[in-house]
Amino acid sequence: MEARSSAALVAVAVVALLLVLVPETSRAERFIVGDAARWTWGYNYTDWVIRKGPFFHNDTLVFRYDPPNATVHAHSVYLMRNAADYQSCNLKAAKLVANVMQGAGSGFEFVLKKRKQHYFVCGERGGIHCTMGNMKFVVKPKSSACRDD
């Protein structure tokens, strides 16, 4: 009986150790931005963030959109440098992170590596997709340690 108790204690200790040693990335999740709607004109991404959140450090956002053709407008993904540029859709200092072709197929993946505000917008048509098409949202990932709280 004592051997079983010792074996059970060892098993519990091993499981506890594995939980501590499992890297944060193994608990990370993948989110298709906009779900079935994908990255497109007119979708309310702020509501999507509220429904899907919270987001955590090392989670992945997947932007899927069709490459431009005769019937599909181009889309892209920009990171804005601050809230003011995000609100006004000012692309002058924005960083292009996915061009018009990168959303095709399995999409463009952006890993939330920094625990800071991430301001995402579509920069196509001189920012009209951002200003009038509602193609923008903000995410601030939490610490992965908070995921199970």
C-alpha atoms as a PDB file:
ATOM      1  CA  MET A   1       0.000   0.000   0.000  1.00  0.00           C
ATOM      2  CA  GLU A   2       2.860   2.341   0.855  1.00  0.00           C
ATOM      3  CA  ALA A   3       4.399   1.771  -2.621  1.00  0.00           C
ATOM      4  CA  ARG A   4       1.147   2.923  -4.252  1.00  0.00           C
ATOM      5  CA  SER A   5       1.077   6.048  -2.093  1.00  0.00           C
ATOM      6  CA  SER A   6       4.659   6.855  -3.051  1.00  0.00           C
ATOM      7  CA  ALA A   7       3.912   6.269  -6.733  1.00  0.00           C
ATOM      8  CA  ALA A   8       0.858   8.511  -6.535  1.00  0.00           C
ATOM      9  CA  LEU A   9       2.871  11.270  -4.849  1.00  0.00           C
ATOM     10  CA  VAL A  10       5.581  11.007  -7.508  1.00  0.00           C
ATOM     11  CA  ALA A  11       2.945  11.206 -10.262  1.00  0.00           C
ATOM     12  CA  VAL A  12       1.383  14.296  -8.684  1.00  0.00           C
ATOM     13  CA  ALA A  13       4.808  15.904  -8.346  1.00  0.00           C
ATOM     14  CA  VAL A  14       5.654  15.180 -12.002  1.00  0.00           C
ATOM     15  CA  VAL A  15       2.360  16.667 -13.205  1.00  0.00           C
ATOM     16  CA  ALA A  16       2.870  19.757 -11.037  1.00  0.00           C
ATOM     17  CA  LEU A  17       6.408  20.156 -12.375  1.00  0.00           C
ATOM     18  CA  LEU A  18       5.219  19.852 -15.971  1.00  0.00           C
ATOM     19  CA  LEU A  19       2.576  22.521 -15.390  1.00  0.00           C
ATOM     20  CA  VAL A  20       5.257  24.882 -14.146  1.00  0.00           C
ATOM     21  CA  LEU A  21       7.672  24.086 -16.964  1.00  0.00           C
ATOM     22  CA  VAL A  22       5.171  24.240 -19.853  1.00  0.00           C
ATOM     23  CA  PRO A  23       6.116  27.325 -21.851  1.00  0.00           C
ATOM     24  CA  GLU A  24       3.579  30.129 -22.269  1.00  0.00           C
ATOM     25  CA  THR A  25       3.395  29.560 -26.009  1.00  0.00           C
ATOM     26  CA  SER A  26       1.937  26.100 -25.548  1.00  0.00           C
ATOM     27  CA  ARG A  27      -1.147  27.661 -23.936  1.00  0.00           C
ATOM     28  CA  ALA A  28      -1.464  30.350 -26.594  1.00  0.00           C
ATOM     29  CA  GLU A  29      -4.558  30.438 -28.783  1.00  0.00           C
ATOM     30  CA  ARG A  30      -5.169  31.276 -32.464  1.00  0.00           C
ATOM     31  CA  PHE A  31      -7.953  33.633 -33.474  1.00  0.00           C
ATOM     32  CA  ILE A  32      -9.244  34.188 -36.998  1.00  0.00           C
ATOM     33  CA  VAL A  33      -9.865  37.938 -37.078  1.00  0.00           C
ATOM     34  CA  GLY A  34     -13.566  38.421 -37.813  1.00  0.00           C
ATOM     35  CA  ASP A  35     -14.255  34.666 -37.605  1.00  0.00           C
ATOM     36  CA  ALA A  36     -16.175  33.583 -40.756  1.00  0.00           C
ATOM     37  CA  ALA A  37     -16.389  37.196 -41.999  1.00  0.00           C
ATOM     38  CA  ARG A  38     -12.571  37.389 -42.008  1.00  0.00           C
ATOM     39  CA  TRP A  39     -10.794  40.756 -42.580  1.00  0.00           C
ATOM     40  CA  THR A  40     -13.315  42.696 -44.654  1.00  0.00           C
ATOM     41  CA  TRP A  41     -15.078  46.020 -45.188  1.00  0.00           C
ATOM     42  CA  GLY A  42     -17.971  46.899 -42.878  1.00  0.00           C
ATOM     43  CA  TYR A  43     -17.486  44.307 -40.138  1.00  0.00           C
ATOM     44  CA  ASN A  44     -17.463  45.548 -36.524  1.00  0.00           C
ATOM     45  CA  TYR A  45     -14.068  44.400 -35.255  1.00  0.00           C
ATOM     46  CA  THR A  46     -14.438  46.231 -31.946  1.00  0.00           C
ATOM     47  CA  ASP A  47     -17.412  43.987 -31.137  1.00  0.00           C
ATOM     48  CA  TRP A  48     -15.396  40.982 -32.284  1.00  0.00           C
ATOM     49  CA  VAL A  49     -12.581  41.876 -29.846  1.00  0.00           C
ATOM     50  CA  ILE A  50     -15.103  42.204 -27.011  1.00  0.00           C
ATOM     51  CA  ARG A  51     -16.673  38.824 -27.845  1.00  0.00           C
ATOM     52  CA  LYS A  52     -13.372  36.963 -28.275  1.00  0.00           C
ATOM     53  CA  GLY A  53     -11.303  38.621 -25.557  1.00  0.00           C
ATOM     54  CA  PRO A  54      -9.449  38.738 -23.444  1.00  0.00           C
ATOM     55  CA  PHE A  55      -6.334  38.100 -25.500  1.00  0.00           C
ATOM     56  CA  PHE A  56      -3.070  36.996 -23.956  1.00  0.00           C
ATOM     57  CA  HIS A  57       0.665  37.262 -24.550  1.00  0.00           C
ATOM     58  CA  ASN A  58       1.697  34.881 -27.386  1.00  0.00           C
ATOM     59  CA  ASP A  59      -1.830  34.472 -28.766  1.00  0.00           C
ATOM     60  CA  THR A  60      -1.945  34.615 -32.567  1.00  0.00           C
ATOM     61  CA  LEU A  61      -4.267  36.776 -34.655  1.00  0.00           C
ATOM     62  CA  VAL A  62      -4.842  35.389 -38.149  1.00  0.00           C
ATOM     63  CA  PHE A  63      -5.856  37.903 -40.801  1.00  0.00           C
ATOM     64  CA  ARG A  64      -7.522  36.217 -43.774  1.00  0.00           C
ATOM     65  CA  TYR A  65      -8.544  38.123 -46.887  1.00  0.00           C
ATOM     66  CA  ASP A  66      -8.600  37.490 -50.595  1.00  0.00           C
ATOM     67  CA  PRO A  67      -5.945  38.984 -52.855  1.00  0.00           C
ATOM     68  CA  PRO A  68      -7.283  41.810 -55.007  1.00  0.00           C
ATOM     69  CA  ASN A  69      -8.920  40.986 -58.327  1.00  0.00           C
ATOM     70  CA  ALA A  70     -11.655  42.393 -60.592  1.00  0.00           C
ATOM     71  CA  THR A  71     -14.352  41.826 -57.954  1.00  0.00           C
ATOM     72  CA  VAL A  72     -12.416  42.008 -54.653  1.00  0.00           C
ATOM     73  CA  HIS A  73     -10.934  45.162 -53.158  1.00  0.00           C
ATOM     74  CA  ALA A  74      -7.453  44.971 -51.724  1.00  0.00           C
ATOM     75  CA  HIS A  75      -6.919  44.737 -47.976  1.00  0.00           C
ATOM     76  CA  SER A  76      -3.807  45.006 -45.855  1.00  0.00           C
ATOM     77  CA  VAL A  77      -2.823  45.125 -42.197  1.00  0.00           C
ATOM     78  CA  TYR A  78      -1.046  48.073 -40.609  1.00  0.00           C
ATOM     79  CA  LEU A  79       0.072  48.636 -37.037  1.00  0.00           C
ATOM     80  CA  MET A  80      -0.523  52.196 -35.900  1.00  0.00           C
ATOM     81  CA  ARG A  81       2.031  53.816 -33.593  1.00  0.00           C
ATOM     82  CA  ASN A  82      -0.437  55.366 -31.142  1.00  0.00           C
ATOM     83  CA  ALA A  83      -4.091  55.943 -30.230  1.00  0.00           C
ATOM     84  CA  ALA A  84      -4.306  59.333 -31.953  1.00  0.00           C
ATOM     85  CA  ASP A  85      -3.133  57.927 -35.294  1.00  0.00           C
ATOM     86  CA  TYR A  86      -5.467  54.971 -34.828  1.00  0.00           C
ATOM     87  CA  GLN A  87      -8.495  57.174 -34.150  1.00  0.00           C
ATOM     88  CA  SER A  88      -7.806  59.407 -37.164  1.00  0.00           C
ATOM     89  CA  CYS A  89      -6.585  56.552 -39.400  1.00  0.00           C
ATOM     90  CA  ASN A  90      -3.376  58.510 -40.022  1.00  0.00           C
ATOM     91  CA  LEU A  91      -1.128  56.078 -41.899  1.00  0.00           C
ATOM     92  CA  LYS A  92       1.946  58.346 -42.188  1.00  0.00           C
ATOM     93  CA  ALA A  93       3.864  56.626 -39.375  1.00  0.00           C
ATOM     94  CA  ALA A  94       2.068  53.266 -39.553  1.00  0.00           C
ATOM     95  CA  LYS A  95       3.949  50.024 -40.124  1.00  0.00           C
ATOM     96  CA  LEU A  96       2.752  47.692 -42.873  1.00  0.00           C
ATOM     97  CA  VAL A  97       2.744  44.179 -41.383  1.00  0.00           C
ATOM     98  CA  ALA A  98       0.769  42.340 -44.104  1.00  0.00           C
ATOM     99  CA  ASN A  99       0.472  43.416 -47.725  1.00  0.00           C
ATOM    100  CA  VAL A 100      -2.493  42.824 -50.052  1.00  0.00           C
ATOM    101  CA  MET A 101      -1.318  39.302 -50.929  1.00  0.00           C
ATOM    102  CA  GLN A 102      -0.450  37.975 -47.457  1.00  0.00           C
ATOM    103  CA  GLY A 103      -4.036  37.343 -46.303  1.00  0.00           C
ATOM    104  CA  ALA A 104      -4.636  34.665 -48.929  1.00  0.00           C
ATOM    105  CA  GLY A 105      -4.776  30.957 -48.147  1.00  0.00           C
ATOM    106  CA  SER A 106      -4.135  30.293 -44.482  1.00  0.00           C
ATOM    107  CA  GLY A 107      -3.721  34.030 -43.878  1.00  0.00           C
ATOM    108  CA  PHE A 108      -1.209  36.296 -42.206  1.00  0.00           C
ATOM    109  CA  GLU A 109      -0.377  35.445 -38.596  1.00  0.00           C
ATOM    110  CA  PHE A 110       0.510  38.098 -36.044  1.00  0.00           C
ATOM    111  CA  VAL A 111       1.759  36.847 -32.671  1.00  0.00           C
ATOM    112  CA  LEU A 112       1.047  39.149 -29.731  1.00  0.00           C
ATOM    113  CA  LYS A 113       4.610  39.115 -28.393  1.00  0.00           C
ATOM    114  CA  LYS A 114       4.460  42.385 -26.475  1.00  0.00           C
ATOM    115  CA  ARG A 115       2.059  43.232 -23.677  1.00  0.00           C
ATOM    116  CA  LYS A 116       1.135  46.642 -25.061  1.00  0.00           C
ATOM    117  CA  GLN A 117      -1.673  48.178 -27.094  1.00  0.00           C
ATOM    118  CA  HIS A 118      -1.722  46.917 -30.683  1.00  0.00           C
ATOM    119  CA  TYR A 119      -3.663  49.180 -33.062  1.00  0.00           C
ATOM    120  CA  PHE A 120      -4.574  47.290 -36.240  1.00  0.00           C
ATOM    121  CA  VAL A 121      -6.085  48.923 -39.341  1.00  0.00           C
ATOM    122  CA  CYS A 122      -6.556  48.285 -43.037  1.00  0.00           C
ATOM    123  CA  GLY A 123      -4.582  50.921 -44.909  1.00  0.00           C
ATOM    124  CA  GLU A 124      -6.055  50.456 -48.359  1.00  0.00           C
ATOM    125  CA  ARG A 125      -7.716  53.187 -50.413  1.00  0.00           C
ATOM    126  CA  GLY A 126      -5.739  55.854 -48.578  1.00  0.00           C
ATOM    127  CA  GLY A 127      -7.197  54.829 -45.230  1.00  0.00           C
ATOM    128  CA  ILE A 128     -10.846  54.787 -46.323  1.00  0.00           C
ATOM    129  CA  HIS A 129     -11.147  51.152 -45.246  1.00  0.00           C
ATOM    130  CA  CYS A 130     -10.136  52.317 -41.778  1.00  0.00           C
ATOM    131  CA  THR A 131     -12.220  55.502 -41.606  1.00  0.00           C
ATOM    132  CA  MET A 132     -15.403  54.390 -43.358  1.00  0.00           C
ATOM    133  CA  GLY A 133     -15.142  50.603 -43.568  1.00  0.00           C
ATOM    134  CA  ASN A 134     -14.645  50.046 -39.837  1.00  0.00           C
ATOM    135  CA  MET A 135     -11.549  47.928 -40.543  1.00  0.00           C
ATOM    136  CA  LYS A 136      -9.723  48.622 -37.310  1.00  0.00           C
ATOM    137  CA  PHE A 137      -9.439  47.345 -33.762  1.00  0.00           C
ATOM    138  CA  VAL A 138      -7.267  47.513 -30.654  1.00  0.00           C
ATOM    139  CA  VAL A 139      -5.919  44.597 -28.635  1.00  0.00           C
ATOM    140  CA  LYS A 140      -3.889  44.724 -25.431  1.00  0.00           C
ATOM    141  CA  PRO A 141      -2.773  41.217 -24.471  1.00  0.00           C
ATOM    142  CA  LYS A 142      -2.685  40.248 -20.821  1.00  0.00           C
ATOM    143  CA  SER A 143      -0.002  38.175 -19.188  1.00  0.00           C
ATOM    144  CA  SER A 144      -0.318  34.495 -20.064  1.00  0.00           C
ATOM    145  CA  ALA A 145      -0.112  33.761 -16.346  1.00  0.00           C
ATOM    146  CA  CYS A 146      -3.595  35.306 -16.063  1.00  0.00           C
ATOM    147  CA  ARG A 147      -5.130  32.920 -18.633  1.00  0.00           C
ATOM    148  CA  ASP A 148      -6.398  30.450 -16.059  1.00  0.00           C
ATOM    149  CA  ASP A 149      -7.729  33.045 -13.598  1.00  0.00           C
END
